[in-house]
N, C-alpha and C. Protein backbone atom coordinates (compact mmCIF):
# COMPACT_ATOMS: atom_id res chain seq x y z
N MET A 1 -3.79 140.63 -5.83
CA MET A 1 -4.38 141.10 -4.59
C MET A 1 -5.77 140.51 -4.47
N GLY A 2 -6.15 140.18 -3.24
CA GLY A 2 -7.47 139.63 -3.01
C GLY A 2 -7.94 139.94 -1.60
N ARG A 3 -9.19 139.58 -1.33
CA ARG A 3 -9.72 139.79 0.01
C ARG A 3 -10.70 138.68 0.36
N GLY A 4 -10.86 138.47 1.63
CA GLY A 4 -11.79 137.47 2.12
C GLY A 4 -12.40 137.95 3.42
N THR A 5 -13.56 137.39 3.77
CA THR A 5 -14.22 137.77 5.01
C THR A 5 -14.66 136.53 5.78
N GLN A 6 -14.82 136.72 7.06
CA GLN A 6 -15.31 135.68 7.95
C GLN A 6 -16.10 136.36 9.06
N THR A 7 -17.18 135.73 9.50
CA THR A 7 -17.99 136.27 10.58
C THR A 7 -17.81 135.40 11.82
N LEU A 8 -17.64 136.06 12.95
CA LEU A 8 -17.42 135.41 14.24
C LEU A 8 -18.47 135.94 15.21
N ILE A 9 -19.14 135.06 15.91
CA ILE A 9 -20.09 135.47 16.95
C ILE A 9 -19.43 135.22 18.30
N ALA A 10 -19.22 136.28 19.06
CA ALA A 10 -18.56 136.20 20.36
C ALA A 10 -19.61 136.34 21.46
N PRO A 11 -20.06 135.22 22.05
CA PRO A 11 -21.09 135.29 23.07
C PRO A 11 -20.62 135.94 24.37
N SER A 12 -19.30 135.92 24.62
CA SER A 12 -18.76 136.55 25.82
C SER A 12 -17.39 137.15 25.49
N SER A 13 -16.92 138.01 26.36
CA SER A 13 -15.61 138.62 26.16
C SER A 13 -14.53 137.56 26.26
N GLY A 14 -13.47 137.73 25.46
CA GLY A 14 -12.37 136.77 25.54
C GLY A 14 -11.51 136.77 24.30
N ASN A 15 -10.75 135.71 24.15
CA ASN A 15 -9.85 135.54 23.01
C ASN A 15 -10.46 134.54 22.05
N TYR A 16 -10.40 134.83 20.77
CA TYR A 16 -11.01 133.97 19.76
C TYR A 16 -10.06 133.78 18.59
N GLY A 17 -10.04 132.56 18.05
CA GLY A 17 -9.32 132.28 16.83
C GLY A 17 -10.22 132.55 15.64
N VAL A 18 -9.65 133.09 14.58
CA VAL A 18 -10.40 133.36 13.37
C VAL A 18 -9.58 132.90 12.16
N THR A 19 -10.25 132.33 11.18
CA THR A 19 -9.62 131.86 9.95
C THR A 19 -10.36 132.48 8.78
N VAL A 20 -9.62 133.08 7.85
CA VAL A 20 -10.21 133.73 6.68
C VAL A 20 -9.61 133.12 5.41
N ILE A 21 -10.48 132.70 4.50
CA ILE A 21 -10.05 132.20 3.19
C ILE A 21 -10.10 133.37 2.21
N VAL A 22 -9.04 133.52 1.42
CA VAL A 22 -8.98 134.55 0.37
C VAL A 22 -9.15 133.82 -0.96
N PRO A 23 -10.39 133.71 -1.47
CA PRO A 23 -10.65 132.87 -2.64
C PRO A 23 -10.01 133.35 -3.93
N ASP A 24 -9.67 134.64 -4.02
CA ASP A 24 -9.06 135.19 -5.23
C ASP A 24 -7.60 134.78 -5.40
N LEU A 25 -6.99 134.24 -4.36
CA LEU A 25 -5.57 133.88 -4.39
C LEU A 25 -5.39 132.39 -4.14
N LYS A 26 -4.35 131.82 -4.74
CA LYS A 26 -3.98 130.43 -4.46
C LYS A 26 -2.95 130.36 -3.35
N LEU A 27 -2.15 131.42 -3.23
CA LEU A 27 -1.08 131.47 -2.24
C LEU A 27 -0.94 132.90 -1.75
N ILE A 28 -1.08 133.12 -0.45
CA ILE A 28 -0.93 134.45 0.14
C ILE A 28 0.54 134.67 0.46
N ALA A 29 1.08 135.79 -0.02
CA ALA A 29 2.47 136.15 0.30
C ALA A 29 2.52 136.95 1.60
N TRP A 30 1.60 137.92 1.74
CA TRP A 30 1.51 138.67 2.98
C TRP A 30 0.16 139.35 3.09
N VAL A 31 -0.22 139.67 4.31
CA VAL A 31 -1.48 140.35 4.60
C VAL A 31 -1.21 141.85 4.63
N LEU A 32 -1.99 142.59 3.84
CA LEU A 32 -1.85 144.04 3.81
C LEU A 32 -2.62 144.72 4.93
N GLU A 33 -3.83 144.20 5.21
CA GLU A 33 -4.71 144.91 6.15
C GLU A 33 -5.74 143.96 6.75
N TRP A 34 -6.01 144.16 8.03
CA TRP A 34 -7.13 143.52 8.72
C TRP A 34 -8.16 144.61 8.98
N SER A 35 -9.45 144.36 8.68
CA SER A 35 -10.53 145.30 8.97
C SER A 35 -11.58 144.58 9.80
N PHE A 36 -12.21 145.32 10.71
CA PHE A 36 -13.20 144.73 11.62
C PHE A 36 -14.45 145.58 11.66
N HIS A 37 -15.61 144.91 11.64
CA HIS A 37 -16.90 145.58 11.75
C HIS A 37 -17.72 144.78 12.76
N SER A 38 -18.24 145.45 13.79
CA SER A 38 -18.99 144.72 14.81
C SER A 38 -20.36 145.32 15.04
N VAL A 39 -21.29 144.45 15.43
CA VAL A 39 -22.65 144.85 15.79
C VAL A 39 -22.99 144.16 17.10
N PRO A 40 -23.22 144.86 18.19
CA PRO A 40 -23.01 146.30 18.39
C PRO A 40 -21.52 146.63 18.39
N ILE A 41 -21.21 147.92 18.40
CA ILE A 41 -19.82 148.34 18.36
C ILE A 41 -19.15 148.02 19.70
N VAL A 42 -18.13 147.17 19.63
CA VAL A 42 -17.33 146.80 20.80
C VAL A 42 -15.87 146.65 20.35
N SER A 43 -15.01 146.36 21.29
CA SER A 43 -13.60 146.14 20.94
C SER A 43 -13.47 144.88 20.10
N HIS A 44 -12.75 144.98 18.97
CA HIS A 44 -12.52 143.82 18.12
C HIS A 44 -11.29 143.04 18.55
N GLY A 45 -10.59 143.53 19.55
CA GLY A 45 -9.42 142.83 20.03
C GLY A 45 -8.17 143.20 19.27
N THR A 46 -7.08 142.56 19.61
CA THR A 46 -5.77 142.79 19.01
C THR A 46 -5.36 141.55 18.23
N VAL A 47 -4.88 141.74 17.00
CA VAL A 47 -4.44 140.61 16.17
C VAL A 47 -3.10 140.09 16.69
N GLU A 48 -3.04 138.80 16.98
CA GLU A 48 -1.82 138.14 17.44
C GLU A 48 -1.67 136.82 16.70
N ASN A 49 -0.47 136.30 16.65
CA ASN A 49 -0.19 134.95 16.12
C ASN A 49 -0.70 134.74 14.69
N GLU A 50 -0.48 135.70 13.82
CA GLU A 50 -0.93 135.58 12.43
C GLU A 50 -0.18 134.44 11.73
N LYS A 51 -0.92 133.58 11.05
CA LYS A 51 -0.35 132.46 10.31
C LYS A 51 -0.96 132.43 8.92
N ILE A 52 -0.13 132.08 7.92
CA ILE A 52 -0.59 131.98 6.54
C ILE A 52 -0.30 130.57 6.04
N SER A 53 -1.29 129.96 5.39
CA SER A 53 -1.11 128.65 4.78
C SER A 53 -1.92 128.61 3.49
N GLY A 54 -1.24 128.62 2.35
CA GLY A 54 -1.94 128.62 1.06
C GLY A 54 -2.72 129.92 0.90
N ASN A 55 -4.04 129.78 0.71
CA ASN A 55 -4.88 130.98 0.58
C ASN A 55 -5.71 131.22 1.84
N VAL A 56 -5.22 130.71 2.97
CA VAL A 56 -5.91 130.86 4.25
C VAL A 56 -5.00 131.62 5.21
N VAL A 57 -5.57 132.58 5.92
CA VAL A 57 -4.85 133.31 6.95
C VAL A 57 -5.64 133.19 8.25
N GLY A 58 -4.93 132.97 9.33
CA GLY A 58 -5.58 132.84 10.63
C GLY A 58 -4.86 133.68 11.66
N CYS A 59 -5.55 133.97 12.76
CA CYS A 59 -4.94 134.73 13.84
C CYS A 59 -5.75 134.48 15.11
N THR A 60 -5.23 134.98 16.20
CA THR A 60 -5.95 135.00 17.47
C THR A 60 -6.30 136.45 17.75
N LEU A 61 -7.56 136.71 18.05
CA LEU A 61 -7.98 138.05 18.45
C LEU A 61 -8.05 138.06 19.97
N LEU A 62 -7.23 138.89 20.60
CA LEU A 62 -7.17 138.98 22.05
C LEU A 62 -8.04 140.12 22.54
N GLY A 63 -8.91 139.84 23.51
CA GLY A 63 -9.72 140.88 24.13
C GLY A 63 -10.93 141.32 23.34
N VAL A 64 -11.60 140.38 22.69
CA VAL A 64 -12.81 140.70 21.93
C VAL A 64 -13.94 141.00 22.91
N GLY A 65 -14.71 142.05 22.65
CA GLY A 65 -15.86 142.39 23.49
C GLY A 65 -16.96 141.36 23.32
N GLY A 66 -17.69 141.10 24.39
CA GLY A 66 -18.72 140.06 24.37
C GLY A 66 -20.03 140.53 23.78
N GLY A 67 -20.86 139.57 23.35
CA GLY A 67 -22.19 139.84 22.83
C GLY A 67 -22.18 140.53 21.49
N THR A 68 -21.29 140.14 20.60
CA THR A 68 -21.16 140.83 19.33
C THR A 68 -21.06 139.86 18.16
N THR A 69 -21.45 140.35 17.02
CA THR A 69 -21.18 139.67 15.75
C THR A 69 -20.08 140.47 15.09
N LEU A 70 -18.95 139.83 14.86
CA LEU A 70 -17.77 140.50 14.34
C LEU A 70 -17.47 139.98 12.94
N THR A 71 -17.39 140.88 11.96
CA THR A 71 -17.00 140.52 10.60
C THR A 71 -15.56 140.96 10.41
N VAL A 72 -14.73 140.00 10.02
CA VAL A 72 -13.30 140.22 9.82
C VAL A 72 -13.03 140.20 8.33
N GLU A 73 -12.35 141.21 7.82
CA GLU A 73 -11.97 141.26 6.40
C GLU A 73 -10.45 141.32 6.31
N VAL A 74 -9.89 140.53 5.41
CA VAL A 74 -8.45 140.52 5.18
C VAL A 74 -8.18 140.92 3.75
N LYS A 75 -7.25 141.85 3.56
CA LYS A 75 -6.75 142.19 2.23
C LYS A 75 -5.32 141.66 2.16
N ALA A 76 -5.05 140.87 1.11
CA ALA A 76 -3.76 140.20 1.01
C ALA A 76 -3.21 140.26 -0.42
N VAL A 77 -1.90 140.02 -0.52
CA VAL A 77 -1.20 139.97 -1.79
C VAL A 77 -0.62 138.57 -1.96
N GLY A 78 -0.68 138.05 -3.18
CA GLY A 78 -0.12 136.74 -3.45
C GLY A 78 -0.32 136.35 -4.90
N LEU A 79 -0.36 135.06 -5.12
CA LEU A 79 -0.53 134.51 -6.48
C LEU A 79 -1.92 134.01 -6.69
């Protein structure tokens, strides 16, 4: 099991792609949980189009609130 984080700055409302590397794993089998923390508190959007490649997981966040710094955390299981 491992986790990784990525920070996204959303200057305006919209859809954003995010990619998170899980350095503790060489190969992700599946994602257990997505967590979001924003400053200021706004909608983090909806996770869509999740893709896994090696130890990297990516997705599209639909409907992210504008003017925010969003930290995305992924908890995953793999090798």
